[in-house]
Amino acid sequence: MEMKEKAKKTIKVRQVGSSIRRNGRQALYLDSLGLGKIGKEKELVDSRSVRKLIAKVRHMIVVEE
């Protein structure tokens, strides 16, 4: 039997704001998204947990679906 992989939907996230002078948790949220420096981009699997992290730092990132 062949196992078909479902194509998982991904979203592209780019950091545009600094985590300096922000709540320490927001820097941790950026780290968990794979970001940390302005201009860094990451392609992530679109899931509920990723969406919640994005919502916490939406003022520092740009999302391209």
Protein backbone atom coordinates (compact mmCIF):
# COMPACT_ATOMS: atom_id res chain seq x y z
CA MET A 1 0.00 0.00 0.00
CA GLU A 2 1.12 3.48 -0.77
CA MET A 3 1.07 6.05 1.98
CA LYS A 4 -0.01 9.38 0.61
CA GLU A 5 1.28 12.38 2.47
CA LYS A 6 -1.14 15.21 2.82
CA ALA A 7 0.30 18.49 1.69
CA LYS A 8 0.37 20.52 4.87
CA LYS A 9 -0.54 24.15 4.53
CA THR A 10 2.28 26.50 5.43
CA ILE A 11 2.51 30.17 6.29
CA LYS A 12 5.46 32.48 5.86
CA VAL A 13 6.34 34.72 8.80
CA ARG A 14 8.81 37.62 8.75
CA GLN A 15 9.93 39.63 11.77
CA VAL A 16 9.70 43.40 11.27
CA GLY A 17 9.86 44.66 14.88
CA SER A 18 12.43 44.33 17.62
CA SER A 19 11.87 42.45 20.86
CA ILE A 20 13.93 45.00 22.78
CA ARG A 21 11.89 46.90 25.41
CA ARG A 22 9.11 44.32 25.17
CA ASN A 23 7.76 41.83 27.64
CA GLY A 24 10.24 38.94 28.03
CA ARG A 25 7.59 36.43 27.02
CA GLN A 26 7.27 38.03 23.60
CA ALA A 27 10.94 37.34 22.91
CA LEU A 28 10.31 33.71 23.87
CA TYR A 29 7.33 33.57 21.49
CA LEU A 30 9.54 34.87 18.68
CA ASP A 31 12.17 32.24 19.50
CA SER A 32 9.59 29.48 19.42
CA LEU A 33 8.51 30.67 15.97
CA GLY A 34 12.14 30.45 14.84
CA LEU A 35 12.61 34.21 14.66
CA GLY A 36 14.79 36.54 16.71
CA LYS A 37 16.28 39.12 14.40
CA ILE A 38 14.57 41.74 12.28
CA GLY A 39 14.22 40.58 8.70
CA LYS A 40 14.42 36.88 9.47
CA GLU A 41 11.86 34.74 7.64
CA LYS A 42 10.49 31.33 8.47
CA GLU A 43 8.02 29.01 6.79
CA LEU A 44 5.85 27.24 9.37
CA VAL A 45 3.15 24.59 9.26
CA ASP A 46 -0.25 26.23 9.68
CA SER A 47 -1.61 24.90 12.97
CA ARG A 48 -3.61 26.17 15.90
CA SER A 49 -0.55 26.45 18.17
CA VAL A 50 1.41 28.44 15.59
CA ARG A 51 -1.57 30.74 15.03
CA LYS A 52 -1.77 31.42 18.78
CA LEU A 53 1.92 32.33 18.93
CA ILE A 54 1.50 34.62 15.94
CA ALA A 55 -1.42 36.34 17.67
CA LYS A 56 0.77 37.09 20.70
CA VAL A 57 3.41 38.94 18.62
CA ARG A 58 1.36 40.16 15.64
CA HIS A 59 2.66 43.71 16.13
CA MET A 60 6.25 42.53 15.46
CA ILE A 61 5.73 40.21 12.48
CA VAL A 62 4.20 40.09 9.02
CA VAL A 63 2.35 36.96 7.90
CA GLU A 64 2.21 35.91 4.26
CA GLU A 65 -0.09 32.97 3.60
